[in-house]
Amino acid sequence: MVSRSWRFVVALAAVCFLPACESAGQEPTPGPASSPVEQPISVEVNQSRDQYGKQAILIQLTNNTEANLTVSDAVLRSNLFRGDITWRPEGGTLELPPKQPKSLPATLPAAACSTASNAPVTATIHYTDPEREPKTTSTDASDPFNVLPRNSDELCLSAEAAAIATIVLGPGLEVAPDGATAVVRLVITPLGTSNGTAPSLTIESIDGTTLLAEVPTDPWPRNVTVATNSAPQLVPLRIRPARCDPHAVAEDKVGTLLPLRVAVGDRKGLLKVPASTELRGRIYDFVGAACGTG
């Protein structure tokens, strides 16, 4: 007769060797995969209409913890730009409540036009937790609206165009006798002469803005070619109000920023020409009077 103690030893041995039997006869069932650790602060790139004409963006921070965090700075690094994109609060720190995104304005540095590629954007945030312990988190920043590539392309296009000619809006505004239309002038000044191989740019077309539109009977010019050794040009543009609702002027951010669709070599894109402070005031007065709201 086998004793109880001996039966216990045999049963225990069978249990201990069970994993070995499984590995020899079949693959073990994998356990549940571990979930990735959530970053304490997530980062997203955005841009409002107010930043669009100022070569600036918004760095949006979201506190993913359950406690208030105090942020001292945020730095984005992208090989689309020559330097870091940095935000530091004027008051020293920023309180970041849980789950409440905050958008922070940051000026863009010069674009890295020759070697730029759209690699991931990294973000480094310095902050303190409720115990006032200094901490640093690094994470990839999302850019769902392609803000950084778009701004990099526009800055590079602007730099290449500026090497050929300066393009500005003249300060004058000629209002038609009926007050319904007016004329502004695009002043194009080439930079100099060349030896017959002058680089050139082409203004393929001109877009309207939220405030200004072309007059159908007097459309804006297309395919205007400018070379470094060409003569200066004054290009008249007849304008009319694009909208006449009461908020058109009051809430305007980019209505006096004229978008030129330009080609320079292999690069194409928008070249934004801002109105001066003097001209902007005249345009606002014209739109108000033409719409009967001035």
Protein backbone atom coordinates (compact mmCIF):
# COMPACT_ATOMS: atom_id res chain seq x y z
CA MET A 1 0.00 0.00 0.00
CA VAL A 2 1.34 3.43 -0.93
CA SER A 3 1.44 5.83 1.97
CA ARG A 4 -0.31 9.21 1.91
CA SER A 5 3.04 11.03 2.09
CA TRP A 6 4.35 9.21 -0.98
CA ARG A 7 1.19 10.01 -2.98
CA PHE A 8 1.69 13.73 -2.06
CA VAL A 9 5.29 13.71 -3.35
CA VAL A 10 4.25 12.10 -6.67
CA ALA A 11 1.44 14.66 -7.16
CA LEU A 12 3.79 17.54 -6.35
CA ALA A 13 6.37 16.27 -8.84
CA ALA A 14 3.73 16.09 -11.58
CA VAL A 15 2.75 19.71 -10.92
CA CYS A 16 6.37 20.92 -10.89
CA PHE A 17 7.20 19.26 -14.24
CA LEU A 18 4.01 20.36 -16.00
CA PRO A 19 5.54 23.52 -17.61
CA ALA A 20 8.40 21.42 -18.99
CA CYS A 21 5.91 19.00 -20.55
CA GLU A 22 4.05 21.93 -22.15
CA SER A 23 7.22 23.44 -23.61
CA ALA A 24 8.16 20.10 -25.12
CA GLY A 25 4.74 19.32 -26.60
CA GLN A 26 3.12 22.70 -27.41
CA GLU A 27 3.60 26.47 -27.29
CA PRO A 28 2.58 28.08 -23.99
CA THR A 29 -0.34 30.50 -24.10
CA PRO A 30 1.00 34.07 -24.05
CA GLY A 31 -0.10 36.31 -21.21
CA PRO A 32 -1.79 39.68 -21.69
CA ALA A 33 0.41 42.39 -23.24
CA SER A 34 1.43 45.20 -20.93
CA SER A 35 -0.16 48.55 -21.81
CA PRO A 36 2.16 51.46 -22.67
CA VAL A 37 2.85 53.96 -19.90
CA GLU A 38 0.98 57.22 -20.51
CA GLN A 39 3.13 60.35 -20.59
CA PRO A 40 2.33 62.80 -17.76
CA ILE A 41 2.02 65.61 -20.32
CA SER A 42 1.05 65.18 -23.98
CA VAL A 43 1.92 67.78 -26.61
CA GLU A 44 0.18 68.89 -29.81
CA VAL A 45 1.13 71.57 -32.34
CA ASN A 46 -1.53 73.96 -33.61
CA GLN A 47 -1.87 77.47 -35.00
CA SER A 48 -4.61 80.08 -34.71
CA ARG A 49 -5.43 82.77 -37.24
CA ASP A 50 -3.72 85.28 -34.94
CA GLN A 51 -0.40 83.39 -35.14
CA TYR A 52 -0.65 82.74 -38.89
CA GLY A 53 0.70 86.13 -39.90
CA LYS A 54 3.28 86.33 -37.12
CA GLN A 55 5.46 83.28 -37.84
CA ALA A 56 4.28 81.76 -34.57
CA ILE A 57 2.50 78.59 -33.47
CA LEU A 58 0.66 77.20 -30.45
CA ILE A 59 2.14 74.45 -28.26
CA GLN A 60 -0.82 72.68 -26.66
CA LEU A 61 -0.08 70.88 -23.39
CA THR A 62 -2.45 68.40 -21.74
CA ASN A 63 -1.90 67.18 -18.17
CA ASN A 64 -2.68 63.46 -18.15
CA THR A 65 -2.24 63.02 -14.39
CA GLU A 66 -4.80 63.55 -11.64
CA ALA A 67 -2.91 66.40 -9.95
CA ASN A 68 -2.02 69.99 -10.80
CA LEU A 69 1.37 70.38 -12.47
CA THR A 70 3.46 73.55 -12.67
CA VAL A 71 5.23 74.01 -16.01
CA SER A 72 8.34 76.18 -16.30
CA ASP A 73 9.06 75.73 -20.04
CA ALA A 74 8.30 73.71 -23.15
CA VAL A 75 10.75 73.08 -26.00
CA LEU A 76 10.00 71.54 -29.41
CA ARG A 77 12.74 70.22 -31.69
CA SER A 78 12.15 69.68 -35.40
CA ASN A 79 14.71 69.30 -38.16
CA LEU A 80 12.47 71.55 -40.26
CA PHE A 81 13.88 74.51 -38.29
CA ARG A 82 17.38 75.68 -37.40
CA GLY A 83 16.70 76.19 -33.72
CA ASP A 84 14.41 75.09 -30.92
CA ILE A 85 10.81 76.28 -30.71
CA THR A 86 10.62 77.48 -27.12
CA TRP A 87 7.89 78.70 -24.81
CA ARG A 88 8.60 80.23 -21.40
CA PRO A 89 5.89 81.91 -19.31
CA GLU A 90 6.25 85.61 -18.62
CA GLY A 91 5.15 85.10 -15.01
CA GLY A 92 7.72 82.39 -14.29
CA THR A 93 5.47 79.30 -14.34
CA LEU A 94 2.16 77.99 -15.66
CA GLU A 95 -0.38 75.97 -13.68
CA LEU A 96 -1.59 73.00 -15.72
CA PRO A 97 -4.78 71.43 -14.26
CA PRO A 98 -5.61 67.78 -14.93
CA LYS A 99 -7.16 66.96 -18.34
CA GLN A 100 -7.42 70.64 -19.30
CA PRO A 101 -5.38 71.53 -22.43
CA LYS A 102 -3.62 74.88 -22.55
CA SER A 103 -2.27 76.49 -25.72
CA LEU A 104 0.99 78.39 -25.45
CA PRO A 105 2.27 80.78 -28.17
CA ALA A 106 5.82 80.30 -29.46
CA THR A 107 7.75 82.09 -32.20
CA LEU A 108 9.21 80.00 -34.99
CA PRO A 109 12.96 80.16 -35.68
CA ALA A 110 14.41 80.26 -39.19
CA ALA A 111 13.55 77.29 -41.37
CA ALA A 112 16.19 74.71 -42.32
CA CYS A 113 15.51 74.80 -46.05
CA SER A 114 18.43 72.85 -47.48
CA THR A 115 18.39 69.74 -45.28
CA ALA A 116 14.86 69.73 -43.89
CA SER A 117 12.83 66.53 -43.73
CA ASN A 118 9.57 65.88 -41.94
CA ALA A 119 10.92 63.77 -39.06
CA PRO A 120 9.06 63.34 -35.74
CA VAL A 121 8.85 66.41 -33.52
CA THR A 122 10.15 65.89 -29.99
CA ALA A 123 9.03 67.88 -26.97
CA THR A 124 10.76 68.40 -23.63
CA ILE A 125 8.73 69.80 -20.72
CA HIS A 126 10.16 70.94 -17.37
CA TYR A 127 7.62 70.96 -14.55
CA THR A 128 7.05 70.28 -10.86
CA ASP A 129 4.50 68.00 -9.23
CA PRO A 130 2.34 68.87 -6.16
CA GLU A 131 5.31 68.06 -3.88
CA ARG A 132 7.32 70.71 -5.80
CA GLU A 133 9.71 68.08 -7.06
CA PRO A 134 11.37 69.19 -10.36
CA LYS A 135 10.73 66.76 -13.20
CA THR A 136 11.35 66.49 -16.94
CA THR A 137 9.33 64.58 -19.51
CA SER A 138 10.26 64.02 -23.17
CA THR A 139 7.76 62.83 -25.74
CA ASP A 140 6.86 63.04 -29.41
CA ALA A 141 4.58 65.98 -30.25
CA SER A 142 1.67 65.40 -32.61
CA ASP A 143 1.05 67.78 -35.50
CA PRO A 144 -2.34 66.68 -36.88
CA PHE A 145 -2.76 69.74 -39.12
CA ASN A 146 0.82 69.74 -40.53
CA VAL A 147 1.46 73.15 -39.02
CA LEU A 148 5.24 72.82 -38.92
CA PRO A 149 5.74 71.51 -42.50
CA ARG A 150 3.42 74.19 -43.87
CA ASN A 151 5.15 77.01 -42.02
CA SER A 152 8.60 75.69 -42.91
CA ASP A 153 7.67 75.59 -46.60
CA GLU A 154 6.30 79.13 -46.48
CA LEU A 155 9.38 80.48 -44.68
CA CYS A 156 11.69 78.80 -47.20
CA LEU A 157 9.66 80.13 -50.11
CA SER A 158 9.72 83.61 -48.59
CA ALA A 159 13.51 83.48 -48.18
CA GLU A 160 14.05 82.31 -51.77
CA ALA A 161 11.70 84.98 -53.13
CA ALA A 162 13.41 87.67 -51.04
CA ALA A 163 16.71 86.78 -52.71
CA ILE A 164 15.16 87.82 -56.05
CA ALA A 165 12.96 90.83 -55.20
CA THR A 166 11.15 92.64 -52.43
CA ILE A 167 7.37 92.48 -52.75
CA VAL A 168 5.26 94.80 -50.61
CA LEU A 169 1.91 96.54 -50.69
CA GLY A 170 2.23 100.27 -51.27
CA PRO A 171 0.77 102.54 -48.57
CA GLY A 172 -1.78 104.22 -50.83
CA LEU A 173 -5.41 103.26 -51.38
CA GLU A 174 -7.44 104.81 -54.22
CA VAL A 175 -11.17 104.52 -53.56
CA ALA A 176 -13.53 104.62 -56.56
CA PRO A 177 -16.05 107.51 -56.75
CA ASP A 178 -18.92 105.16 -55.87
CA GLY A 179 -17.01 103.85 -52.84
CA ALA A 180 -17.69 100.22 -53.78
CA THR A 181 -14.16 99.35 -54.92
CA ALA A 182 -10.62 100.56 -54.38
CA VAL A 183 -7.13 99.99 -55.77
CA VAL A 184 -4.03 98.90 -53.87
CA ARG A 185 -0.66 98.41 -55.53
CA LEU A 186 1.79 95.56 -55.29
CA VAL A 187 5.28 97.09 -55.37
CA ILE A 188 7.87 94.67 -56.81
CA THR A 189 11.53 95.74 -56.62
CA PRO A 190 14.13 93.32 -58.06
CA LEU A 191 17.41 93.22 -56.15
CA GLY A 192 19.83 93.89 -58.98
CA THR A 193 21.37 92.78 -62.24
CA SER A 194 22.82 89.44 -63.23
CA ASN A 195 24.90 87.97 -66.07
CA GLY A 196 21.98 86.66 -68.09
CA THR A 197 21.25 83.69 -65.84
CA ALA A 198 19.16 85.58 -63.35
CA PRO A 199 16.95 83.47 -61.09
CA SER A 200 13.30 84.39 -61.31
CA LEU A 201 10.00 83.93 -59.56
CA THR A 202 6.51 83.78 -60.94
CA ILE A 203 3.40 85.09 -59.20
CA GLU A 204 1.03 82.49 -60.62
CA SER A 205 -2.10 83.93 -59.03
CA ILE A 206 -3.33 85.99 -56.08
CA ASP A 207 -5.84 84.67 -53.56
CA GLY A 208 -8.54 86.67 -51.87
CA THR A 209 -8.70 87.03 -48.10
CA THR A 210 -11.44 86.88 -45.49
CA LEU A 211 -11.79 90.66 -45.95
CA LEU A 212 -10.86 91.39 -49.58
CA ALA A 213 -11.82 89.94 -52.98
CA GLU A 214 -11.10 90.75 -56.61
CA VAL A 215 -13.64 92.54 -58.79
CA PRO A 216 -14.94 90.10 -61.45
CA THR A 217 -14.79 92.75 -64.18
CA ASP A 218 -11.20 93.68 -63.28
CA PRO A 219 -9.51 90.41 -62.22
CA TRP A 220 -6.10 90.30 -60.58
CA PRO A 221 -3.14 89.46 -62.84
CA ARG A 222 -1.71 85.98 -63.26
CA ASN A 223 1.71 84.61 -64.16
CA VAL A 224 3.71 87.74 -63.37
CA THR A 225 7.39 86.91 -63.85
CA VAL A 226 10.06 88.72 -61.84
CA ALA A 227 13.83 88.32 -62.33
CA THR A 228 16.63 89.89 -60.34
CA ASN A 229 17.61 92.03 -63.37
CA SER A 230 14.07 93.04 -64.42
CA ALA A 231 12.61 96.51 -63.97
CA PRO A 232 10.55 97.44 -60.89
CA GLN A 233 6.82 96.90 -61.25
CA LEU A 234 3.70 98.48 -59.79
CA VAL A 235 0.85 95.97 -60.05
CA PRO A 236 -2.58 97.55 -59.41
CA LEU A 237 -5.15 95.33 -57.68
CA ARG A 238 -8.77 96.45 -57.62
CA ILE A 239 -10.43 95.21 -54.44
CA ARG A 240 -13.92 94.95 -53.00
CA PRO A 241 -15.16 93.76 -49.58
CA ALA A 242 -15.30 89.97 -49.41
CA ARG A 243 -17.90 90.14 -46.64
CA CYS A 244 -20.04 92.78 -45.00
CA ASP A 245 -21.21 91.20 -41.76
CA PRO A 246 -20.68 93.38 -38.65
CA HIS A 247 -17.74 91.28 -37.45
CA ALA A 248 -15.73 91.45 -40.69
CA VAL A 249 -13.39 94.22 -39.50
CA ALA A 250 -13.83 93.88 -35.75
CA GLU A 251 -12.62 90.27 -35.71
CA ASP A 252 -10.15 90.47 -38.59
CA LYS A 253 -6.83 88.64 -38.14
CA VAL A 254 -5.56 87.89 -41.65
CA GLY A 255 -7.85 89.92 -43.92
CA THR A 256 -5.06 92.33 -44.92
CA LEU A 257 -2.47 89.59 -45.43
CA LEU A 258 -2.46 89.10 -49.20
CA PRO A 259 -1.60 85.52 -50.31
CA LEU A 260 0.43 85.26 -53.52
CA ARG A 261 0.75 81.83 -55.14
CA VAL A 262 4.40 81.89 -56.13
CA ALA A 263 6.81 79.53 -57.90
CA VAL A 264 10.55 79.86 -57.29
CA GLY A 265 12.56 77.15 -59.00
CA ASP A 266 11.10 73.81 -57.89
CA ARG A 267 9.36 75.30 -54.88
CA LYS A 268 5.74 76.46 -54.99
CA GLY A 269 3.51 77.83 -52.29
CA LEU A 270 1.97 80.87 -50.64
CA LEU A 271 3.90 84.08 -50.12
CA LYS A 272 2.01 86.26 -47.66
CA VAL A 273 2.35 90.01 -48.18
CA PRO A 274 1.13 92.06 -45.19
CA ALA A 275 -0.36 95.52 -45.38
CA SER A 276 1.44 98.18 -43.37
CA THR A 277 -0.26 99.64 -40.32
CA GLU A 278 -1.16 102.74 -42.35
CA LEU A 279 -2.63 100.76 -45.24
CA ARG A 280 -4.44 98.37 -42.92
CA GLY A 281 -6.28 101.28 -41.33
CA ARG A 282 -7.27 102.63 -44.73
CA ILE A 283 -8.54 99.23 -45.84
CA TYR A 284 -10.66 98.89 -42.70
CA ASP A 285 -12.14 102.35 -43.32
CA PHE A 286 -12.86 101.46 -46.96
CA VAL A 287 -14.56 98.14 -46.09
CA GLY A 288 -16.65 99.81 -43.39
CA ALA A 289 -17.79 102.57 -45.75
CA ALA A 290 -18.45 100.22 -48.69
CA CYS A 291 -20.52 97.94 -46.45
CA GLY A 292 -22.34 100.83 -44.78
CA THR A 293 -20.99 99.89 -41.37
CA GLY A 294 -18.22 102.48 -41.11
